[in-house]
Protein backbone atom coordinates (compact mmCIF):
# COMPACT_ATOMS: atom_id res chain seq x y z
CA UNK A 1 -0.08 -0.08 -0.06
CA UNK A 2 1.38 3.24 -1.12
CA UNK A 3 0.89 5.57 1.98
CA UNK A 4 1.17 8.88 -0.43
CA UNK A 5 -1.62 7.94 -2.25
CA UNK A 6 -3.98 8.06 0.99
CA UNK A 7 -5.98 11.20 1.83
CA UNK A 8 -6.34 12.77 4.67
CA UNK A 9 -9.84 11.87 5.52
CA UNK A 10 -8.83 8.15 4.87
CA UNK A 11 -6.20 8.33 7.44
CA UNK A 12 -8.47 10.17 10.03
CA UNK A 13 -11.16 7.58 9.31
CA UNK A 14 -8.52 4.61 10.04
CA UNK A 15 -7.51 6.48 12.92
CA UNK A 16 -10.76 6.54 14.36
CA UNK A 17 -11.41 3.21 13.40
CA UNK A 18 -8.59 1.77 15.48
CA UNK A 19 -9.71 4.13 18.79
CA UNK A 20 -13.05 2.45 18.71
CA UNK A 21 -11.31 -1.14 18.18
CA UNK A 22 -9.27 -0.73 21.15
CA UNK A 23 -12.59 0.21 23.28
CA UNK A 24 -14.34 -2.83 22.22
CA UNK A 25 -15.15 -5.16 24.83
CA UNK A 26 -13.66 -8.21 25.75
CA UNK A 27 -15.64 -11.53 25.93
CA UNK A 28 -16.16 -13.11 29.38
CA UNK A 29 -15.36 -16.50 30.44
CA UNK A 30 -19.02 -18.27 30.04
CA UNK A 31 -18.01 -20.92 32.47
CA UNK A 32 -17.84 -18.67 35.11
CA UNK A 33 -20.84 -16.45 34.07
CA UNK A 34 -23.90 -17.11 36.48
CA UNK A 35 -26.14 -15.77 33.71
CA UNK A 36 -25.75 -18.92 31.64
CA UNK A 37 -28.93 -20.43 33.35
CA UNK A 38 -31.00 -17.37 32.27
CA UNK A 39 -30.02 -17.72 28.95
CA UNK A 40 -30.91 -21.55 28.88
CA UNK A 41 -34.46 -20.87 30.46
CA UNK A 42 -34.97 -18.30 27.82
CA UNK A 43 -34.13 -20.67 24.67
CA UNK A 44 -36.35 -23.17 26.28
CA UNK A 45 -39.23 -20.85 26.40
CA UNK A 46 -39.09 -19.83 23.19
CA UNK A 47 -38.53 -23.49 22.04
CA UNK A 48 -41.69 -24.46 24.16
CA UNK A 49 -43.83 -21.36 22.51
CA UNK A 50 -42.61 -22.60 18.85
CA UNK A 51 -43.70 -25.94 20.06
CA UNK A 52 -47.26 -24.72 20.86
CA UNK A 53 -47.56 -22.91 23.67
CA UNK A 54 -48.10 -19.35 23.94
CA UNK A 55 -45.73 -17.52 21.26
CA UNK A 56 -44.42 -14.45 22.33
CA UNK A 57 -42.26 -12.87 19.46
CA UNK A 58 -39.95 -10.86 22.04
CA UNK A 59 -38.15 -14.17 22.81
CA UNK A 60 -36.16 -13.59 20.01
CA UNK A 61 -35.06 -10.19 21.47
CA UNK A 62 -34.64 -11.29 25.16
CA UNK A 63 -32.52 -14.12 23.77
CA UNK A 64 -30.49 -11.73 21.66
CA UNK A 65 -30.03 -9.54 24.92
CA UNK A 66 -29.02 -12.50 27.03
CA UNK A 67 -26.39 -13.67 25.06
CA UNK A 68 -25.07 -10.31 24.58
CA UNK A 69 -24.64 -10.08 28.35
CA UNK A 70 -23.65 -13.69 28.79
CA UNK A 71 -20.84 -13.22 26.72
CA UNK A 72 -19.86 -9.37 27.26
CA UNK A 73 -21.46 -8.70 30.75
CA UNK A 74 -24.20 -6.18 31.38
CA UNK A 75 -21.77 -3.23 31.03
CA UNK A 76 -21.58 -3.83 27.47
CA UNK A 77 -24.83 -1.76 26.67
CA UNK A 78 -22.85 1.52 27.52
CA UNK A 79 -20.13 0.83 24.96
CA UNK A 80 -22.97 -0.56 22.18
CA UNK A 81 -25.39 2.26 22.90
CA UNK A 82 -22.29 5.03 22.30
CA UNK A 83 -21.74 3.16 18.97
CA UNK A 84 -25.12 2.80 17.97
CA UNK A 85 -25.80 6.73 18.71
CA UNK A 86 -22.68 7.75 16.70
CA UNK A 87 -23.99 5.58 13.57
CA UNK A 88 -26.95 7.23 14.00
CA UNK A 89 -25.66 10.81 13.42
């Protein structure tokens, strides 16, 4: 890559991308995370609802939320919200 052909805007974008990458949350070790039971229960409820019990569309959202928290912890939402707010601008 010839750096002399890179624009200042491209360099700024790359620097910003790297700054964001430095703040990216690290996954937790799920075997030590007590929320595994919560995640399993939500998944079971979703499967049960598809098997004929009362279907609740929001199960999918709650499973996603539980999965993110399981791997990254509850504090990850601050980081996610900060990133998504910037993307909405």
